[in-house]
Amino acid sequence: LYSTTVQHWVPPELLGRLSAFGAVGSFAVGPLGLAAAGPLSARYGTG
């Protein structure tokens, strides 16, 4: 649904910029959340 919506609504000249923001979120900020998940799970439980 995300890919379909982006291709339908985002102008072609902006697709690269939008993809770059998504990549930063996934590959730069995402690992910070994963790194925090372990200690938080140890303290508060996985559930």
Full PDB file with SEQRES, HELIX, SHEET, SSBOND, CRYST1, ORIGX, SCALE, CONECT and MASTER records, all heavy atoms in Angstrom:
SEQRES   1 A   47  LEU TYR SER THR THR VAL GLN HIS TRP VAL PRO PRO GLU          
SEQRES   2 A   47  LEU LEU GLY ARG LEU SER ALA PHE GLY ALA VAL GLY SER          
SEQRES   3 A   47  PHE ALA VAL GLY PRO LEU GLY LEU ALA ALA ALA GLY PRO          
SEQRES   4 A   47  LEU SER ALA ARG TYR GLY THR GLY                              
HELIX    1 AA1 TYR A    2  TRP A    9  1                                   8    
HELIX    2 AA2 PRO A   12  LEU A   14  5                                   3    
HELIX    3 AA3 LEU A   15  VAL A   24  1                                  10    
HELIX    4 AA4 GLY A   25  VAL A   29  3                                   5    
HELIX    5 AA5 GLY A   30  TYR A   44  1                                  15    
CRYST1    1.000    1.000    1.000  90.00  90.00  90.00 P 1           1          
ORIGX1      1.000000  0.000000  0.000000        0.00000                         
ORIGX2      0.000000  1.000000  0.000000        0.00000                         
ORIGX3      0.000000  0.000000  1.000000        0.00000                         
SCALE1      1.000000  0.000000  0.000000        0.00000                         
SCALE2      0.000000  1.000000  0.000000        0.00000                         
SCALE3      0.000000  0.000000  1.000000        0.00000                         
ATOM      1  N   LEU A   1       0.834  -1.212   0.000  1.00  0.00           N  
ATOM      2  CA  LEU A   1       0.000   0.000   0.000  1.00  0.00           C  
ATOM      3  C   LEU A   1       0.869   1.262   0.000  1.00  0.00           C  
ATOM      4  O   LEU A   1       0.562   2.232  -0.684  1.00  0.00           O  
ATOM      5  CB  LEU A   1      -0.929   0.004   1.213  1.00  0.00           C  
ATOM      6  CG  LEU A   1      -2.066  -0.993   1.172  1.00  0.00           C  
ATOM      7  CD1 LEU A   1      -2.811  -1.000   2.503  1.00  0.00           C  
ATOM      8  CD2 LEU A   1      -3.021  -0.684   0.040  1.00  0.00           C  
ATOM      9  N   TYR A   2       1.951   1.238   0.766  1.00  0.00           N  
ATOM     10  CA  TYR A   2       2.846   2.395   0.815  1.00  0.00           C  
ATOM     11  C   TYR A   2       3.456   2.668  -0.565  1.00  0.00           C  
ATOM     12  O   TYR A   2       3.439   3.799  -1.047  1.00  0.00           O  
ATOM     13  CB  TYR A   2       3.945   2.161   1.855  1.00  0.00           C  
ATOM     14  CG  TYR A   2       4.965   3.267   1.882  1.00  0.00           C  
ATOM     15  CD1 TYR A   2       4.698   4.470   2.520  1.00  0.00           C  
ATOM     16  CD2 TYR A   2       6.201   3.112   1.258  1.00  0.00           C  
ATOM     17  CE1 TYR A   2       5.634   5.494   2.540  1.00  0.00           C  
ATOM     18  CE2 TYR A   2       7.135   4.134   1.276  1.00  0.00           C  
ATOM     19  CZ  TYR A   2       6.854   5.318   1.915  1.00  0.00           C  
ATOM     20  OH  TYR A   2       7.776   6.329   1.923  1.00  0.00           O  
ATOM     21  N   SER A   3       3.986   1.629  -1.197  1.00  0.00           N  
ATOM     22  CA  SER A   3       4.619   1.805  -2.509  1.00  0.00           C  
ATOM     23  C   SER A   3       3.617   2.286  -3.554  1.00  0.00           C  
ATOM     24  O   SER A   3       3.922   3.166  -4.362  1.00  0.00           O  
ATOM     25  CB  SER A   3       5.243   0.488  -2.971  1.00  0.00           C  
ATOM     26  OG  SER A   3       6.292   0.127  -2.115  1.00  0.00           O  
ATOM     27  N   THR A   4       2.427   1.708  -3.536  1.00  0.00           N  
ATOM     28  CA  THR A   4       1.388   2.109  -4.491  1.00  0.00           C  
ATOM     29  C   THR A   4       0.997   3.567  -4.287  1.00  0.00           C  
ATOM     30  O   THR A   4       0.870   4.332  -5.247  1.00  0.00           O  
ATOM     31  CB  THR A   4       0.153   1.205  -4.336  1.00  0.00           C  
ATOM     32  OG1 THR A   4       0.546  -0.146  -4.542  1.00  0.00           O  
ATOM     33  CG2 THR A   4      -0.931   1.581  -5.320  1.00  0.00           C  
ATOM     34  N   THR A   5       0.821   3.966  -3.032  1.00  0.00           N  
ATOM     35  CA  THR A   5       0.421   5.336  -2.733  1.00  0.00           C  
ATOM     36  C   THR A   5       1.509   6.326  -3.122  1.00  0.00           C  
ATOM     37  O   THR A   5       1.229   7.378  -3.715  1.00  0.00           O  
ATOM     38  CB  THR A   5       0.092   5.469  -1.231  1.00  0.00           C  
ATOM     39  OG1 THR A   5      -0.932   4.532  -0.907  1.00  0.00           O  
ATOM     40  CG2 THR A   5      -0.379   6.857  -0.891  1.00  0.00           C  
ATOM     41  N   VAL A   6       2.751   6.000  -2.814  1.00  0.00           N  
ATOM     42  CA  VAL A   6       3.866   6.890  -3.163  1.00  0.00           C  
ATOM     43  C   VAL A   6       3.951   7.054  -4.678  1.00  0.00           C  
ATOM     44  O   VAL A   6       4.086   8.172  -5.189  1.00  0.00           O  
ATOM     45  CB  VAL A   6       5.192   6.353  -2.586  1.00  0.00           C  
ATOM     46  CG1 VAL A   6       6.388   7.037  -3.222  1.00  0.00           C  
ATOM     47  CG2 VAL A   6       5.220   6.546  -1.080  1.00  0.00           C  
ATOM     48  N   GLN A   7       3.851   5.975  -5.418  1.00  0.00           N  
ATOM     49  CA  GLN A   7       3.954   6.058  -6.872  1.00  0.00           C  
ATOM     50  C   GLN A   7       2.788   6.827  -7.475  1.00  0.00           C  
ATOM     51  O   GLN A   7       2.935   7.464  -8.520  1.00  0.00           O  
ATOM     52  CB  GLN A   7       4.031   4.658  -7.469  1.00  0.00           C  
ATOM     53  CG  GLN A   7       5.336   3.969  -7.162  1.00  0.00           C  
ATOM     54  CD  GLN A   7       5.367   2.537  -7.640  1.00  0.00           C  
ATOM     55  OE1 GLN A   7       4.515   2.103  -8.412  1.00  0.00           O  
ATOM     56  NE2 GLN A   7       6.351   1.793  -7.188  1.00  0.00           N  
ATOM     57  N   HIS A   8       1.625   6.771  -6.820  1.00  0.00           N  
ATOM     58  CA  HIS A   8       0.448   7.465  -7.350  1.00  0.00           C  
ATOM     59  C   HIS A   8       0.494   8.967  -7.058  1.00  0.00           C  
ATOM     60  O   HIS A   8       0.121   9.767  -7.904  1.00  0.00           O  
ATOM     61  CB  HIS A   8      -0.821   6.852  -6.746  1.00  0.00           C  
ATOM     62  CG  HIS A   8      -2.084   7.440  -7.270  1.00  0.00           C  
ATOM     63  ND1 HIS A   8      -2.589   7.102  -8.499  1.00  0.00           N  
ATOM     64  CD2 HIS A   8      -2.936   8.354  -6.745  1.00  0.00           C  
ATOM     65  CE1 HIS A   8      -3.716   7.777  -8.704  1.00  0.00           C  
ATOM     66  NE2 HIS A   8      -3.941   8.541  -7.644  1.00  0.00           N  
ATOM     67  N   TRP A   9       0.941   9.350  -5.855  1.00  0.00           N  
ATOM     68  CA  TRP A   9       0.799  10.727  -5.424  1.00  0.00           C  
ATOM     69  C   TRP A   9       2.066  11.573  -5.489  1.00  0.00           C  
ATOM     70  O   TRP A   9       1.988  12.795  -5.539  1.00  0.00           O  
ATOM     71  CB  TRP A   9       0.261  10.777  -3.991  1.00  0.00           C  
ATOM     72  CG  TRP A   9      -1.167  10.365  -3.931  1.00  0.00           C  
ATOM     73  CD1 TRP A   9      -1.641   9.154  -3.526  1.00  0.00           C  
ATOM     74  CD2 TRP A   9      -2.305  11.124  -4.321  1.00  0.00           C  
ATOM     75  NE1 TRP A   9      -3.002   9.130  -3.637  1.00  0.00           N  
ATOM     76  CE2 TRP A   9      -3.448  10.326  -4.124  1.00  0.00           C  
ATOM     77  CE3 TRP A   9      -2.469  12.402  -4.829  1.00  0.00           C  
ATOM     78  CZ2 TRP A   9      -4.720  10.769  -4.408  1.00  0.00           C  
ATOM     79  CZ3 TRP A   9      -3.747  12.841  -5.105  1.00  0.00           C  
ATOM     80  CH2 TRP A   9      -4.855  12.032  -4.896  1.00  0.00           C  
ATOM     81  N   VAL A  10       3.229  10.978  -5.430  1.00  0.00           N  
ATOM     82  CA  VAL A  10       4.464  11.766  -5.388  1.00  0.00           C  
ATOM     83  C   VAL A  10       4.958  12.013  -6.816  1.00  0.00           C  
ATOM     84  O   VAL A  10       5.090  11.073  -7.604  1.00  0.00           O  
ATOM     85  CB  VAL A  10       5.547  11.032  -4.563  1.00  0.00           C  
ATOM     86  CG1 VAL A  10       6.857  11.795  -4.585  1.00  0.00           C  
ATOM     87  CG2 VAL A  10       5.072  10.843  -3.137  1.00  0.00           C  
ATOM     88  N   PRO A  11       5.243  13.251  -7.148  1.00  0.00           N  
ATOM     89  CA  PRO A  11       5.760  13.547  -8.490  1.00  0.00           C  
ATOM     90  C   PRO A  11       7.080  12.796  -8.729  1.00  0.00           C  
ATOM     91  O   PRO A  11       7.897  12.659  -7.811  1.00  0.00           O  
ATOM     92  CB  PRO A  11       5.993  15.053  -8.478  1.00  0.00           C  
ATOM     93  CG  PRO A  11       5.139  15.579  -7.374  1.00  0.00           C  
ATOM     94  CD  PRO A  11       5.054  14.480  -6.364  1.00  0.00           C  
ATOM     95  N   PRO A  12       7.297  12.330  -9.957  1.00  0.00           N  
ATOM     96  CA  PRO A  12       8.497  11.529 -10.255  1.00  0.00           C  
ATOM     97  C   PRO A  12       9.804  12.214  -9.863  1.00  0.00           C  
ATOM     98  O   PRO A  12      10.732  11.556  -9.402  1.00  0.00           O  
ATOM     99  CB  PRO A  12       8.424  11.319 -11.761  1.00  0.00           C  
ATOM    100  CG  PRO A  12       6.984  11.459 -12.106  1.00  0.00           C  
ATOM    101  CD  PRO A  12       6.429  12.454 -11.132  1.00  0.00           C  
ATOM    102  N   GLU A  13       9.876  13.534  -9.996  1.00  0.00           N  
ATOM    103  CA  GLU A  13      11.131  14.218  -9.679  1.00  0.00           C  
ATOM    104  C   GLU A  13      11.416  14.262  -8.169  1.00  0.00           C  
ATOM    105  O   GLU A  13      12.523  14.598  -7.758  1.00  0.00           O  
ATOM    106  CB  GLU A  13      11.141  15.635 -10.261  1.00  0.00           C  
ATOM    107  CG  GLU A  13      10.084  16.554  -9.705  1.00  0.00           C  
ATOM    108  CD  GLU A  13       8.743  16.491 -10.443  1.00  0.00           C  
ATOM    109  OE1 GLU A  13       8.545  15.605 -11.288  1.00  0.00           O  
ATOM    110  OE2 GLU A  13       7.892  17.345 -10.154  1.00  0.00           O  
ATOM    111  N   LEU A  14      10.436  13.916  -7.343  1.00  0.00           N  
ATOM    112  CA  LEU A  14      10.639  13.914  -5.895  1.00  0.00           C  
ATOM    113  C   LEU A  14      10.749  12.516  -5.302  1.00  0.00           C  
ATOM    114  O   LEU A  14      10.980  12.369  -4.094  1.00  0.00           O  
ATOM    115  CB  LEU A  14       9.495  14.666  -5.205  1.00  0.00           C  
ATOM    116  CG  LEU A  14       9.379  16.153  -5.533  1.00  0.00           C  
ATOM    117  CD1 LEU A  14       8.185  16.768  -4.828  1.00  0.00           C  
ATOM    118  CD2 LEU A  14      10.657  16.877  -5.159  1.00  0.00           C  
ATOM    119  N   LEU A  15      10.601  11.484  -6.110  1.00  0.00           N  
ATOM    120  CA  LEU A  15      10.649  10.116  -5.591  1.00  0.00           C  
ATOM    121  C   LEU A  15      11.997   9.791  -4.954  1.00  0.00           C  
ATOM    122  O   LEU A  15      12.055   9.125  -3.914  1.00  0.00           O  
ATOM    123  CB  LEU A  15      10.336   9.108  -6.701  1.00  0.00           C  
ATOM    124  CG  LEU A  15       8.872   8.984  -7.096  1.00  0.00           C  
ATOM    125  CD1 LEU A  15       8.724   8.077  -8.306  1.00  0.00           C  
ATOM    126  CD2 LEU A  15       8.042   8.478  -5.948  1.00  0.00           C  
ATOM    127  N   GLY A  16      13.084  10.241  -5.544  1.00  0.00           N  
ATOM    128  CA  GLY A  16      14.408   9.983  -4.989  1.00  0.00           C  
ATOM    129  C   GLY A  16      14.591  10.613  -3.622  1.00  0.00           C  
ATOM    130  O   GLY A  16      15.131   9.992  -2.701  1.00  0.00           O  
ATOM    131  N   ARG A  17      14.121  11.834  -3.465  1.00  0.00           N  
ATOM    132  CA  ARG A  17      14.240  12.532  -2.184  1.00  0.00           C  
ATOM    133  C   ARG A  17      13.410  11.822  -1.112  1.00  0.00           C  
ATOM    134  O   ARG A  17      13.878  11.621   0.015  1.00  0.00           O  
ATOM    135  CB  ARG A  17      13.773  13.976  -2.338  1.00  0.00           C  
ATOM    136  CG  ARG A  17      14.020  14.805  -1.100  1.00  0.00           C  
ATOM    137  CD  ARG A  17      13.757  16.262  -1.336  1.00  0.00           C  
ATOM    138  NE  ARG A  17      14.657  16.748  -2.390  1.00  0.00           N  
ATOM    139  CZ  ARG A  17      14.465  17.855  -3.073  1.00  0.00           C  
ATOM    140  NH1 ARG A  17      13.422  18.599  -2.833  1.00  0.00           N  
ATOM    141  NH2 ARG A  17      15.302  18.231  -4.002  1.00  0.00           N  
ATOM    142  N   LEU A  18      12.205  11.424  -1.469  1.00  0.00           N  
ATOM    143  CA  LEU A  18      11.359  10.708  -0.515  1.00  0.00           C  
ATOM    144  C   LEU A  18      11.991   9.370  -0.123  1.00  0.00           C  
ATOM    145  O   LEU A  18      12.001   8.994   1.050  1.00  0.00           O  
ATOM    146  CB  LEU A  18       9.965  10.485  -1.094  1.00  0.00           C  
ATOM    147  CG  LEU A  18       9.001   9.774  -0.157  1.00  0.00           C  
ATOM    148  CD1 LEU A  18       8.634  10.673   1.005  1.00  0.00           C  
ATOM    149  CD2 LEU A  18       7.769   9.329  -0.906  1.00  0.00           C  
ATOM    150  N   SER A  19      12.537   8.672  -1.089  1.00  0.00           N  
ATOM    151  CA  SER A  19      13.202   7.401  -0.800  1.00  0.00           C  
ATOM    152  C   SER A  19      14.406   7.606   0.108  1.00  0.00           C  
ATOM    153  O   SER A  19      14.685   6.772   0.975  1.00  0.00           O  
ATOM    154  CB  SER A  19      13.642   6.726  -2.099  1.00  0.00           C  
ATOM    155  OG  SER A  19      12.529   6.398  -2.883  1.00  0.00           O  
ATOM    156  N   ALA A  20      15.120   8.706  -0.068  1.00  0.00           N  
ATOM    157  CA  ALA A  20      16.276   8.992   0.775  1.00  0.00           C  
ATOM    158  C   ALA A  20      15.854   9.208   2.227  1.00  0.00           C  
ATOM    159  O   ALA A  20      16.506   8.710   3.153  1.00  0.00           O  
ATOM    160  CB  ALA A  20      17.015  10.222   0.250  1.00  0.00           C  
ATOM    161  N   PHE A  21      14.773   9.938   2.441  1.00  0.00           N  
ATOM    162  CA  PHE A  21      14.283  10.132   3.808  1.00  0.00           C  
ATOM    163  C   PHE A  21      13.883   8.801   4.426  1.00  0.00           C  
ATOM    164  O   PHE A  21      14.144   8.541   5.604  1.00  0.00           O  
ATOM    165  CB  PHE A  21      13.099  11.101   3.841  1.00  0.00           C  
ATOM    166  CG  PHE A  21      13.500  12.537   3.780  1.00  0.00           C  
ATOM    167  CD1 PHE A  21      13.166  13.313   2.685  1.00  0.00           C  
ATOM    168  CD2 PHE A  21      14.211  13.122   4.824  1.00  0.00           C  
ATOM    169  CE1 PHE A  21      13.534  14.649   2.625  1.00  0.00           C  
ATOM    170  CE2 PHE A  21      14.581  14.452   4.778  1.00  0.00           C  
ATOM    171  CZ  PHE A  21      14.240  15.217   3.667  1.00  0.00           C  
ATOM    172  N   GLY A  22      13.224   7.945   3.651  1.00  0.00           N  
ATOM    173  CA  GLY A  22      12.859   6.621   4.149  1.00  0.00           C  
ATOM    174  C   GLY A  22      14.066   5.783   4.495  1.00  0.00           C  
ATOM    175  O   GLY A  22      14.087   5.073   5.505  1.00  0.00           O  
ATOM    176  N   ALA A  23      15.094   5.871   3.678  1.00  0.00           N  
ATOM    177  CA  ALA A  23      16.317   5.105   3.937  1.00  0.00           C  
ATOM    178  C   ALA A  23      17.012   5.594   5.203  1.00  0.00           C  
ATOM    179  O   ALA A  23      17.515   4.787   5.993  1.00  0.00           O  
ATOM    180  CB  ALA A  23      17.263   5.201   2.742  1.00  0.00           C  
ATOM    181  N   VAL A  24      17.038   6.901   5.423  1.00  0.00           N  
ATOM    182  CA  VAL A  24      17.644   7.431   6.645  1.00  0.00           C  
ATOM    183  C   VAL A  24      16.889   6.910   7.861  1.00  0.00           C  
ATOM    184  O   VAL A  24      17.485   6.485   8.856  1.00  0.00           O  
ATOM    185  CB  VAL A  24      17.673   8.975   6.630  1.00  0.00           C  
ATOM    186  CG1 VAL A  24      17.998   9.544   8.009  1.00  0.00           C  
ATOM    187  CG2 VAL A  24      18.675   9.461   5.610  1.00  0.00           C  
ATOM    188  N   GLY A  25      15.576   6.911   7.778  1.00  0.00           N  
ATOM    189  CA  GLY A  25      14.777   6.393   8.890  1.00  0.00           C  
ATOM    190  C   GLY A  25      15.023   4.922   9.145  1.00  0.00           C  
ATOM    191  O   GLY A  25      15.135   4.480  10.296  1.00  0.00           O  
ATOM    192  N   SER A  26      15.146   4.162   8.092  1.00  0.00           N  
ATOM    193  CA  SER A  26      15.324   2.719   8.239  1.00  0.00           C  
ATOM    194  C   SER A  26      16.725   2.335   8.660  1.00  0.00           C  
ATOM    195  O   SER A  26      16.913   1.486   9.539  1.00  0.00           O  
ATOM    196  CB  SER A  26      15.000   2.021   6.920  1.00  0.00           C  
ATOM    197  OG  SER A  26      13.660   2.213   6.572  1.00  0.00           O  
ATOM    198  N   PHE A  27      17.718   2.924   8.022  1.00  0.00           N  
ATOM    199  CA  PHE A  27      19.085   2.468   8.209  1.00  0.00           C  
ATOM    200  C   PHE A  27      19.891   3.274   9.223  1.00  0.00           C  
ATOM    201  O   PHE A  27      20.937   2.821   9.677  1.00  0.00           O  
ATOM    202  CB  PHE A  27      19.820   2.441   6.872  1.00  0.00           C  
ATOM    203  CG  PHE A  27      19.196   1.487   5.900  1.00  0.00           C  
ATOM    204  CD1 PHE A  27      18.640   1.940   4.722  1.00  0.00           C  
ATOM    205  CD2 PHE A  27      19.155   0.131   6.171  1.00  0.00           C  
ATOM    206  CE1 PHE A  27      18.055   1.058   3.826  1.00  0.00           C  
ATOM    207  CE2 PHE A  27      18.568  -0.755   5.284  1.00  0.00           C  
ATOM    208  CZ  PHE A  27      18.019  -0.292   4.106  1.00  0.00           C  
ATOM    209  N   ALA A  28      19.444   4.454   9.572  1.00  0.00           N  
ATOM    210  CA  ALA A  28      20.193   5.262  10.535  1.00  0.00           C  
ATOM    211  C   ALA A  28      19.486   5.302  11.891  1.00  0.00           C  
ATOM    212  O   ALA A  28      20.098   5.074  12.923  1.00  0.00           O  
ATOM    213  CB  ALA A  28      20.388   6.674  10.005  1.00  0.00           C  
ATOM    214  N   VAL A  29      18.195   5.584  11.880  1.00  0.00           N  
ATOM    215  CA  VAL A  29      17.462   5.718  13.136  1.00  0.00           C  
ATOM    216  C   VAL A  29      16.953   4.357  13.627  1.00  0.00           C  
ATOM    217  O   VAL A  29      16.930   4.101  14.833  1.00  0.00           O  
ATOM    218  CB  VAL A  29      16.292   6.711  12.965  1.00  0.00           C  
ATOM    219  CG1 VAL A  29      15.524   6.878  14.250  1.00  0.00           C  
ATOM    220  CG2 VAL A  29      16.820   8.055  12.492  1.00  0.00           C  
ATOM    221  N   GLY A  30      16.580   3.474  12.711  1.00  0.00           N  
ATOM    222  CA  GLY A  30      16.061   2.154  13.087  1.00  0.00           C  
ATOM    223  C   GLY A  30      16.978   1.365  13.997  1.00  0.00           C  
ATOM    224  O   GLY A  30      16.524   0.813  15.018  1.00  0.00           O  
ATOM    225  N   PRO A  31      18.264   1.286  13.700  1.00  0.00           N  
ATOM    226  CA  PRO A  31      19.167   0.542  14.593  1.00  0.00           C  
ATOM    227  C   PRO A  31      19.239   1.115  16.012  1.00  0.00           C  
ATOM    228  O   PRO A  31      19.487   0.376  16.964  1.00  0.00           O  
ATOM    229  CB  PRO A  31      20.520   0.653  13.889  1.00  0.00           C  
ATOM    230  CG  PRO A  31      20.169   0.788  12.443  1.00  0.00           C  
ATOM    231  CD  PRO A  31      18.923   1.635  12.440  1.00  0.00           C  
ATOM    232  N   LEU A  32      19.007   2.413  16.162  1.00  0.00           N  
ATOM    233  CA  LEU A  32      18.987   2.982  17.512  1.00  0.00           C  
ATOM    234  C   LEU A  32      17.828   2.404  18.323  1.00  0.00           C  
ATOM    235  O   LEU A  32      17.980   2.089  19.508  1.00  0.00           O  
ATOM    236  CB  LEU A  32      18.885   4.504  17.447  1.00  0.00           C  
ATOM    237  CG  LEU A  32      20.041   5.230  16.763  1.00  0.00           C  
ATOM    238  CD1 LEU A  32      19.761   6.730  16.676  1.00  0.00           C  
ATOM    239  CD2 LEU A  32      21.334   4.967  17.501  1.00  0.00           C  
ATOM    240  N   GLY A  33      16.680   2.261  17.671  1.00  0.00           N  
ATOM    241  CA  GLY A  33      15.537   1.643  18.336  1.00  0.00           C  
ATOM    242  C   GLY A  33      15.792   0.181  18.666  1.00  0.00           C  
ATOM    243  O   GLY A  33      15.421  -0.299  19.742  1.00  0.00           O  
ATOM    244  N   LEU A  34      16.437  -0.524  17.735  1.00  0.00           N  
ATOM    245  CA  LEU A  34      16.762  -1.925  17.998  1.00  0.00           C  
ATOM    246  C   LEU A  34      17.760  -2.047  19.143  1.00  0.00           C  
ATOM    247  O   LEU A  34      17.673  -2.966  19.970  1.00  0.00           O  
ATOM    248  CB  LEU A  34      17.313  -2.581  16.737  1.00  0.00           C  
ATOM    249  CG  LEU A  34      16.314  -2.737  15.592  1.00  0.00           C  
ATOM    250  CD1 LEU A  34      17.018  -3.243  14.339  1.00  0.00           C  
ATOM    251  CD2 LEU A  34      15.181  -3.656  15.989  1.00  0.00           C  
ATOM    252  N   ALA A  35      18.723  -1.133  19.212  1.00  0.00           N  
ATOM    253  CA  ALA A  35      19.702  -1.154  20.295  1.00  0.00           C  
ATOM    254  C   ALA A  35      19.036  -0.874  21.642  1.00  0.00           C  
ATOM    255  O   ALA A  35      19.442  -1.417  22.673  1.00  0.00           O  
ATOM    256  CB  ALA A  35      20.809  -0.141  20.030  1.00  0.00           C  
ATOM    257  N   ALA A  36      18.025  -0.054  21.652  1.00  0.00           N  
ATOM    258  CA  ALA A  36      17.317   0.263  22.894  1.00  0.00           C  
ATOM    259  C   ALA A  36      16.353  -0.845  23.298  1.00  0.00           C  
ATOM    260  O   ALA A  36      16.041  -0.999  24.481  1.00  0.00           O  
ATOM    261  CB  ALA A  36      16.555   1.575  22.731  1.00  0.00           C  
ATOM    262  N   ALA A  37      15.887  -1.644  22.341  1.00  0.00           N  
ATOM    263  CA  ALA A  37      14.883  -2.671  22.633  1.00  0.00           C  
ATOM    264  C   ALA A  37      15.403  -3.723  23.597  1.00  0.00           C  
ATOM    265  O   ALA A  37      14.666  -4.187  24.477  1.00  0.00           O  
ATOM    266  CB  ALA A  37      14.414  -3.328  21.334  1.00  0.00           C  
ATOM    267  N   GLY A  38      16.665  -4.111  23.467  1.00  0.00           N  
ATOM    268  CA  GLY A  38      17.218  -5.128  24.348  1.00  0.00           C  
ATOM    269  C   GLY A  38      17.221  -4.711  25.811  1.00  0.00           C  
ATOM    270  O   GLY A  38      16.642  -5.411  26.657  1.00  0.00           O  
ATOM    271  N   PRO A  39      17.862  -3.596  26.139  1.00  0.00           N  
ATOM    272  CA  PRO A  39      17.864  -3.163  27.543  1.00  0.00           C  
ATOM    273  C   PRO A  39      16.457  -2.876  28.086  1.00  0.00           C  
ATOM    274  O   PRO A  39      16.163  -3.180  29.247  1.00  0.00           O  
ATOM    275  CB  PRO A  39      18.704  -1.880  27.526  1.00  0.00           C  
ATOM    276  CG  PRO A  39      19.557  -1.995  26.310  1.00  0.00           C  
ATOM    277  CD  PRO A  39      18.748  -2.781  25.315  1.00  0.00           C  
ATOM    278  N   LEU A  40      15.593  -2.297  27.246  1.00  0.00           N  
ATOM    279  CA  LEU A  40      14.230  -2.030  27.709  1.00  0.00           C  
ATOM    280  C   LEU A  40      13.478  -3.321  27.978  1.00  0.00           C  
ATOM    281  O   LEU A  40      12.724  -3.434  28.950  1.00  0.00           O  
ATOM    282  CB  LEU A  40      13.482  -1.170  26.685  1.00  0.00           C  
ATOM    283  CG  LEU A  40      13.947   0.280  26.584  1.00  0.00           C  
ATOM    284  CD1 LEU A  40      13.261   0.989  25.419  1.00  0.00           C  
ATOM    285  CD2 LEU A  40      13.692   1.021  27.888  1.00  0.00           C  
ATOM    286  N   SER A  41      13.676  -4.335  27.114  1.00  0.00           N  
ATOM    287  CA  SER A  41      13.034  -5.632  27.326  1.00  0.00           C  
ATOM    288  C   SER A  41      13.563  -6.308  28.576  1.00  0.00           C  
ATOM    289  O   SER A  41      12.811  -6.977  29.290  1.00  0.00           O  
ATOM    290  CB  SER A  41      13.247  -6.545  26.118  1.00  0.00           C  
ATOM    291  OG  SER A  41      12.554  -6.054  25.004  1.00  0.00           O  
ATOM    292  N   ALA A  42      14.846  -6.164  28.839  1.00  0.00           N  
ATOM    293  CA  ALA A  42      15.419  -6.754  30.046  1.00  0.00           C  
ATOM    294  C   ALA A  42      14.832  -6.112  31.303  1.00  0.00           C  
ATOM    295  O   ALA A  42      14.605  -6.783  32.302  1.00  0.00           O  
ATOM    296  CB  ALA A  42      16.938  -6.600  30.033  1.00  0.00           C  
ATOM    297  N   ARG A  43      14.584  -4.825  31.221  1.00  0.00           N  
ATOM    298  CA  ARG A  43      14.063  -4.120  32.393  1.00  0.00           C  
ATOM    299  C   ARG A  43      12.556  -4.264  32.559  1.00  0.00           C  
ATOM    300  O   ARG A  43      12.060  -4.465  33.662  1.00  0.00           O  
ATOM    301  CB  ARG A  43      14.434  -2.647  32.307  1.00  0.00           C  
ATOM    302  CG  ARG A  43      13.925  -1.880  33.495  1.00  0.00           C  
ATOM    303  CD  ARG A  43      14.473  -0.496  33.567  1.00  0.00           C  
ATOM    304  NE  ARG A  43      13.891   0.163  34.711  1.00  0.00           N  
ATOM    305  CZ  ARG A  43      14.579   0.771  35.628  1.00  0.00           C  
ATOM    306  NH1 ARG A  43      15.890   0.810  35.536  1.00  0.00           N  
ATOM    307  NH2 ARG A  43      13.991   1.358  36.627  1.00  0.00           N  
ATOM    308  N   TYR A  44      11.796  -4.128  31.450  1.00  0.00           N  
ATOM    309  CA  TYR A  44      10.335  -4.101  31.531  1.00  0.00           C  
ATOM    310  C   TYR A  44       9.664  -5.360  30.994  1.00  0.00           C  
ATOM    311  O   TYR A  44       8.447  -5.483  31.061  1.00  0.00           O  
ATOM    312  CB  TYR A  44       9.788  -2.876  30.782  1.00  0.00           C  
ATOM    313  CG  TYR A  44      10.306  -1.584  31.333  1.00  0.00           C  
ATOM    314  CD1 TYR A  44      11.225  -0.828  30.627  1.00  0.00           C  
ATOM    315  CD2 TYR A  44       9.899  -1.122  32.581  1.00  0.00           C  
ATOM    316  CE1 TYR A  44      11.716   0.363  31.131  1.00  0.00           C  
ATOM    317  CE2 TYR A  44      10.384   0.071  33.102  1.00  0.00           C  
ATOM    318  CZ  TYR A  44      11.294   0.809  32.365  1.00  0.00           C  
ATOM    319  OH  TYR A  44      11.770   1.977  32.874  1.00  0.00           O  
ATOM    320  N   GLY A  45      10.423  -6.253  30.384  1.00  0.00           N  
ATOM    321  CA  GLY A  45       9.859  -7.466  29.815  1.00  0.00           C  
ATOM    322  C   GLY A  45       9.495  -7.254  28.349  1.00  0.00           C  
ATOM    323  O   GLY A  45       9.142  -6.138  27.935  1.00  0.00           O  
ATOM    324  N   THR A  46       9.588  -8.332  27.597  1.00  0.00           N  
ATOM    325  CA  THR A  46       9.288  -8.249  26.165  1.00  0.00           C  
ATOM    326  C   THR A  46       7.847  -7.830  25.922  1.00  0.00           C  
ATOM    327  O   THR A  46       7.563  -7.005  25.050  1.00  0.00           O  
ATOM    328  CB  THR A  46       9.557  -9.607  25.494  1.00  0.00           C  
ATOM    329  OG1 THR A  46      10.906  -9.986  25.771  1.00  0.00           O  
ATOM    330  CG2 THR A  46       9.347  -9.549  24.005  1.00  0.00           C  
ATOM    331  N   GLY A  47       6.941  -8.406  26.695  1.00  0.00           N  
ATOM    332  CA  GLY A  47       5.525  -8.064  26.525  1.00  0.00           C  
ATOM    333  C   GLY A  47       5.256  -6.598  26.751  1.00  0.00           C  
ATOM    334  O   GLY A  47       4.480  -5.982  26.010  1.00  0.00           O  
TER     335      GLY A  47                                                      
MASTER        0    0    0    5    0    0    0    6  334    1    0    4          
END                                                                             
